[in-house]
N, C-alpha and C. Protein backbone atom coordinates (compact mmCIF):
# COMPACT_ATOMS: atom_id res chain seq x y z
N UNK A 1 4.06 9.55 39.80
CA UNK A 1 3.07 9.86 38.84
C UNK A 1 3.66 9.95 37.30
N UNK A 2 4.86 10.70 37.42
CA UNK A 2 5.61 10.67 36.28
C UNK A 2 6.13 9.37 35.38
N UNK A 3 6.37 8.35 36.18
CA UNK A 3 6.80 6.92 35.75
C UNK A 3 5.51 6.54 35.24
N UNK A 4 4.17 6.67 35.76
CA UNK A 4 3.08 6.28 35.21
C UNK A 4 2.86 6.87 33.83
N UNK A 5 3.12 8.15 33.61
CA UNK A 5 3.01 8.89 32.40
C UNK A 5 3.73 8.46 31.18
N UNK A 6 5.23 8.13 31.92
CA UNK A 6 6.05 7.67 30.81
C UNK A 6 5.80 6.11 30.36
N UNK A 7 5.49 5.39 31.18
CA UNK A 7 4.96 4.13 30.90
C UNK A 7 3.88 3.99 29.75
N UNK A 8 2.78 4.85 30.06
CA UNK A 8 1.56 5.43 29.20
C UNK A 8 2.08 5.71 27.96
N UNK A 9 2.81 6.77 27.70
CA UNK A 9 3.54 7.25 26.62
C UNK A 9 4.34 6.01 25.86
N UNK A 10 5.19 5.38 26.45
CA UNK A 10 5.82 4.31 25.91
C UNK A 10 5.03 3.29 25.44
N UNK A 11 3.68 2.85 26.20
CA UNK A 11 2.76 1.66 25.66
C UNK A 11 2.16 2.30 24.20
N UNK A 12 1.67 3.49 24.45
CA UNK A 12 0.98 4.21 23.17
C UNK A 12 1.89 4.24 22.00
N UNK A 13 3.42 4.51 22.32
CA UNK A 13 4.27 4.33 21.10
C UNK A 13 4.37 3.22 20.70
N UNK A 14 4.36 2.01 21.38
CA UNK A 14 4.46 0.70 21.04
C UNK A 14 3.32 0.47 20.18
N UNK A 15 2.36 0.60 20.80
CA UNK A 15 1.11 0.35 20.06
C UNK A 15 1.11 0.79 18.58
N UNK A 16 1.48 2.08 18.60
CA UNK A 16 1.56 2.94 17.05
C UNK A 16 2.50 2.00 16.28
N UNK A 17 3.43 1.98 16.94
CA UNK A 17 4.77 1.01 16.05
C UNK A 17 4.28 -0.13 15.68
N UNK A 18 3.32 -1.16 16.54
CA UNK A 18 2.90 -2.18 16.25
C UNK A 18 2.08 -2.11 15.11
N UNK A 19 1.21 -1.17 15.02
CA UNK A 19 0.14 -0.79 14.06
C UNK A 19 0.71 -0.49 12.57
N UNK A 20 1.92 0.18 12.65
CA UNK A 20 2.63 0.52 11.43
C UNK A 20 3.41 -0.85 10.66
N UNK A 21 3.72 -1.72 11.65
CA UNK A 21 4.61 -2.84 10.98
C UNK A 21 3.31 -3.77 10.76
N UNK A 22 2.23 -3.80 11.33
CA UNK A 22 1.29 -4.63 10.69
C UNK A 22 0.83 -3.97 9.17
N UNK A 23 0.74 -2.69 9.29
CA UNK A 23 0.19 -2.30 8.08
C UNK A 23 1.26 -2.02 6.90
N UNK A 24 2.31 -2.27 7.24
CA UNK A 24 3.66 -2.28 6.18
C UNK A 24 3.86 -3.80 5.74
N UNK A 25 3.11 -4.77 6.33
CA UNK A 25 3.47 -6.09 6.10
C UNK A 25 2.85 -6.44 4.73
N UNK A 26 1.71 -5.60 4.24
CA UNK A 26 1.10 -5.80 2.78
C UNK A 26 0.70 -4.47 2.32
N UNK A 27 1.20 -4.39 1.21
CA UNK A 27 0.68 -3.10 0.21
C UNK A 27 -0.38 -3.54 -0.83
N UNK A 28 -1.29 -2.79 -0.75
CA UNK A 28 -2.50 -3.21 -1.60
C UNK A 28 -2.93 -1.64 -2.38
N UNK A 29 -2.73 -2.00 -3.59
CA UNK A 29 -3.20 -0.77 -4.20
C UNK A 29 -4.43 -1.37 -5.37
N UNK A 30 -5.42 -0.72 -5.20
CA UNK A 30 -6.56 -0.84 -6.19
C UNK A 30 -6.94 0.17 -6.95
N UNK A 31 -7.26 0.10 -8.40
CA UNK A 31 -7.68 1.08 -9.24
C UNK A 31 -9.10 0.75 -9.66
N UNK A 32 -9.88 1.88 -9.47
CA UNK A 32 -11.23 1.64 -9.86
C UNK A 32 -11.75 2.59 -10.69
N UNK A 33 -12.69 1.99 -11.62
CA UNK A 33 -13.39 3.03 -12.63
C UNK A 33 -14.92 3.18 -12.25
N UNK A 34 -15.07 4.59 -12.92
CA UNK A 34 -16.57 4.82 -12.45
C UNK A 34 -16.96 5.58 -13.83
N UNK A 35 -18.31 5.34 -14.34
CA UNK A 35 -19.08 6.03 -15.42
C UNK A 35 -19.28 7.52 -14.85
N UNK A 36 -18.56 8.55 -15.43
CA UNK A 36 -19.00 10.02 -14.74
C UNK A 36 -20.39 10.30 -14.95
N UNK A 37 -20.95 10.77 -14.19
CA UNK A 37 -22.21 11.53 -14.14
C UNK A 37 -23.32 10.78 -13.87
N UNK A 38 -23.27 9.34 -13.77
CA UNK A 38 -24.29 8.43 -13.38
C UNK A 38 -24.81 8.14 -12.16
N UNK A 39 -23.80 8.56 -11.31
CA UNK A 39 -23.99 8.16 -9.78
C UNK A 39 -23.75 6.96 -9.25
N UNK A 40 -23.57 6.14 -10.46
CA UNK A 40 -22.94 4.58 -10.18
C UNK A 40 -21.87 4.56 -9.07
N UNK A 41 -21.75 3.57 -8.41
CA UNK A 41 -20.49 3.30 -7.47
C UNK A 41 -19.35 2.72 -8.45
N UNK A 42 -18.09 3.20 -7.82
CA UNK A 42 -16.94 3.03 -8.70
C UNK A 42 -16.72 1.33 -8.70
N UNK A 43 -16.06 0.68 -9.51
CA UNK A 43 -15.83 -0.59 -9.96
C UNK A 43 -14.41 -0.98 -9.82
N UNK A 44 -13.86 -1.91 -9.23
CA UNK A 44 -12.51 -2.45 -9.08
C UNK A 44 -12.19 -2.73 -10.53
N UNK A 45 -11.32 -2.29 -10.98
CA UNK A 45 -10.52 -2.37 -12.23
C UNK A 45 -9.12 -3.18 -12.28
N UNK A 46 -8.48 -3.14 -11.18
CA UNK A 46 -7.20 -3.53 -11.15
C UNK A 46 -6.92 -3.70 -9.72
N UNK A 47 -5.98 -4.69 -9.22
CA UNK A 47 -5.33 -4.78 -8.04
C UNK A 47 -4.27 -5.38 -7.80
N UNK A 48 -3.29 -4.87 -6.98
CA UNK A 48 -2.05 -5.23 -6.99
C UNK A 48 -2.02 -5.44 -5.30
N UNK A 49 -1.45 -6.64 -4.56
CA UNK A 49 -1.29 -7.00 -3.48
C UNK A 49 0.34 -7.47 -2.98
N UNK A 50 1.18 -6.52 -2.64
CA UNK A 50 2.56 -6.93 -2.44
C UNK A 50 2.79 -7.14 -1.21
N UNK A 51 3.22 -8.57 -0.56
CA UNK A 51 3.41 -8.98 0.74
C UNK A 51 4.75 -8.80 1.12
N UNK A 52 5.15 -8.43 2.53
CA UNK A 52 6.69 -8.06 2.78
C UNK A 52 7.61 -9.23 2.41
N UNK A 53 6.94 -10.54 2.70
CA UNK A 53 7.81 -11.64 2.15
C UNK A 53 8.15 -11.85 0.71
N UNK A 54 7.53 -10.96 -0.22
CA UNK A 54 7.67 -10.82 -1.57
C UNK A 54 6.76 -11.62 -2.30
N UNK A 55 5.92 -12.01 -1.79
CA UNK A 55 4.49 -12.63 -2.45
C UNK A 55 3.88 -11.38 -3.29
N UNK A 56 3.42 -11.57 -4.36
CA UNK A 56 2.65 -10.68 -5.27
C UNK A 56 1.57 -11.45 -5.77
N UNK A 57 0.29 -10.45 -5.67
CA UNK A 57 -0.94 -10.90 -6.65
C UNK A 57 -1.30 -9.80 -7.13
N UNK A 58 -1.53 -9.77 -8.47
CA UNK A 58 -1.99 -8.73 -9.55
C UNK A 58 -3.31 -9.15 -10.19
N UNK A 59 -3.94 -8.18 -10.16
CA UNK A 59 -5.45 -8.71 -11.20
C UNK A 59 -5.38 -7.41 -12.11
N UNK A 60 -5.39 -7.75 -13.17
CA UNK A 60 -5.44 -6.55 -14.36
C UNK A 60 -6.66 -6.75 -15.24
N UNK A 61 -6.72 -5.57 -15.65
CA UNK A 61 -8.11 -5.34 -16.70
C UNK A 61 -7.67 -6.30 -17.96
N UNK A 62 -8.28 -7.22 -18.55
CA UNK A 62 -8.30 -7.74 -19.56
C UNK A 62 -9.26 -8.11 -20.45
N UNK A 63 -9.45 -8.52 -21.69
CA UNK A 63 -10.55 -9.01 -22.35
C UNK A 63 -10.16 -10.11 -23.16
N UNK A 64 -10.82 -11.15 -23.74
CA UNK A 64 -10.30 -12.16 -24.55
C UNK A 64 -10.80 -11.62 -25.95
N UNK A 65 -9.96 -11.85 -27.05
CA UNK A 65 -10.42 -11.42 -28.45
C UNK A 65 -11.06 -12.29 -29.00
N UNK A 66 -11.31 -12.22 -30.26
CA UNK A 66 -12.02 -13.14 -31.05
C UNK A 66 -11.52 -14.51 -31.23
N UNK A 67 -9.99 -14.43 -31.05
CA UNK A 67 -9.29 -15.70 -31.32
C UNK A 67 -8.99 -16.34 -29.87
N UNK A 68 -9.81 -15.99 -28.65
CA UNK A 68 -9.47 -16.34 -27.45
C UNK A 68 -8.33 -16.19 -26.64
N UNK A 69 -7.75 -15.34 -27.26
CA UNK A 69 -6.42 -14.57 -26.40
C UNK A 69 -6.46 -13.51 -25.57
N UNK A 70 -5.95 -13.44 -24.43
CA UNK A 70 -6.24 -12.34 -23.45
C UNK A 70 -5.51 -10.99 -24.13
N UNK A 71 -6.14 -9.78 -23.90
CA UNK A 71 -5.66 -8.71 -24.24
C UNK A 71 -5.75 -7.66 -23.10
N UNK A 72 -4.78 -6.99 -22.74
CA UNK A 72 -4.81 -6.10 -21.73
C UNK A 72 -5.27 -4.76 -22.11
N UNK A 73 -6.23 -4.12 -21.27
CA UNK A 73 -6.59 -2.92 -21.52
C UNK A 73 -5.32 -2.05 -21.06
N UNK A 74 -4.44 -1.56 -22.07
CA UNK A 74 -3.03 -0.87 -21.63
C UNK A 74 -3.36 0.36 -20.93
N UNK A 75 -4.28 1.11 -21.24
CA UNK A 75 -4.63 2.43 -20.64
C UNK A 75 -4.71 2.33 -19.04
N UNK A 76 -5.45 1.52 -18.87
CA UNK A 76 -5.82 1.41 -17.42
C UNK A 76 -4.77 0.63 -16.60
N UNK A 77 -4.13 -0.20 -17.50
CA UNK A 77 -3.12 -1.04 -16.88
C UNK A 77 -2.03 -0.05 -16.70
N UNK A 78 -1.68 0.89 -17.52
CA UNK A 78 -0.46 1.79 -17.31
C UNK A 78 -0.73 2.75 -16.13
N UNK A 79 -1.99 3.18 -15.97
CA UNK A 79 -2.17 4.00 -14.84
C UNK A 79 -2.29 3.02 -13.68
N UNK A 80 -2.84 1.95 -13.58
CA UNK A 80 -2.69 1.25 -12.32
C UNK A 80 -1.28 1.11 -12.00
N UNK A 81 -0.10 0.56 -13.07
CA UNK A 81 1.15 0.33 -12.43
C UNK A 81 1.85 1.64 -12.16
N UNK A 82 1.40 2.83 -12.65
CA UNK A 82 1.82 4.17 -12.00
C UNK A 82 1.67 4.22 -10.50
N UNK A 83 0.19 3.77 -10.31
CA UNK A 83 -0.18 3.90 -9.09
C UNK A 83 0.57 2.80 -8.11
N UNK A 84 0.92 1.67 -8.51
CA UNK A 84 1.61 0.40 -7.86
C UNK A 84 3.02 1.48 -7.42
N UNK A 85 3.88 1.94 -8.44
CA UNK A 85 4.91 2.61 -8.14
C UNK A 85 5.01 3.55 -7.34
N UNK A 86 3.85 4.57 -7.36
CA UNK A 86 3.83 5.81 -6.38
C UNK A 86 3.73 5.04 -4.84
N UNK A 87 3.10 3.93 -4.95
CA UNK A 87 2.70 3.60 -3.36
C UNK A 87 3.82 2.89 -2.70
N UNK A 88 4.70 1.85 -3.90
CA UNK A 88 5.89 1.53 -3.24
C UNK A 88 6.83 2.50 -2.82
N UNK A 89 6.86 3.55 -3.71
CA UNK A 89 7.92 4.70 -3.28
C UNK A 89 7.47 5.41 -2.19
N UNK A 90 6.13 5.71 -1.85
CA UNK A 90 5.73 6.33 -0.52
C UNK A 90 6.10 5.29 0.50
N UNK A 91 5.68 3.89 0.51
CA UNK A 91 5.97 2.86 1.56
C UNK A 91 7.30 3.08 1.84
N UNK A 92 8.42 3.19 0.79
CA UNK A 92 9.69 2.98 1.15
C UNK A 92 10.38 4.23 1.75
N UNK A 93 9.64 5.49 1.73
CA UNK A 93 10.15 6.36 2.22
C UNK A 93 9.57 6.38 3.67
N UNK A 94 8.35 5.92 4.01
CA UNK A 94 7.80 6.12 5.31
C UNK A 94 8.39 4.91 6.13
N UNK A 95 8.88 3.85 5.54
CA UNK A 95 9.82 2.71 6.43
C UNK A 95 11.16 3.56 6.63
N UNK A 96 11.67 4.03 5.61
CA UNK A 96 12.89 4.58 5.67
C UNK A 96 12.95 5.76 7.03
N UNK A 97 11.94 6.37 7.00
CA UNK A 97 11.65 7.46 8.11
C UNK A 97 11.72 6.83 9.39
N UNK A 98 10.85 5.76 9.44
CA UNK A 98 10.68 5.04 10.81
C UNK A 98 11.93 4.33 11.06
N UNK A 99 12.74 3.93 10.52
CA UNK A 99 13.87 3.39 10.74
C UNK A 99 15.08 4.31 11.18
N UNK A 100 14.94 5.56 10.37
CA UNK A 100 15.70 6.44 10.79
C UNK A 100 15.39 6.99 12.44
N UNK A 101 14.06 7.29 12.57
CA UNK A 101 13.45 7.31 13.73
C UNK A 101 13.88 6.64 15.05
N UNK A 102 13.70 5.35 14.49
CA UNK A 102 14.22 4.19 15.60
C UNK A 102 15.55 4.37 15.74
N UNK A 103 16.46 4.76 14.80
CA UNK A 103 17.90 4.86 14.79
C UNK A 103 18.38 5.90 15.70
N UNK A 104 17.57 7.10 15.68
CA UNK A 104 17.77 8.19 16.31
C UNK A 104 17.47 7.85 17.92
N UNK A 105 16.25 7.21 18.02
CA UNK A 105 16.14 6.98 19.49
C UNK A 105 16.87 5.88 20.27
N UNK A 106 17.95 5.19 19.48
CA UNK A 106 18.67 4.37 20.07
C UNK A 106 20.09 5.09 20.10
N UNK A 107 20.29 6.32 19.43
CA UNK A 107 21.31 7.12 19.36
C UNK A 107 22.53 6.98 18.26
N UNK A 108 21.78 6.46 17.47
CA UNK A 108 22.70 6.09 16.09
C UNK A 108 22.62 7.36 15.29
N UNK A 109 23.73 7.50 14.72
CA UNK A 109 23.65 8.73 13.77
C UNK A 109 22.94 8.57 12.47
């Protein structure tokens, strides 16, 4: 009976680790805007996706000026980049914690 419970706990832990590894393979940050007080749904304004293999996709808010050149919405872009930096920092701490946990489970200091 105890062996069955241990196997079940290990299987649950392995499933959780698998879910975690799958979720850290890609970091997605979306910044959305909405018009206050209208009840309208938010609109995607910027998106960054960073893959574990180093691939990166960024979509940033921009408009074409009268000369046909792209101009960034610097305020919205700055807010989005702060969100990206915060997400990277958080993900880094979480991965570090998981690695420390695995190290402790293996008896490493």
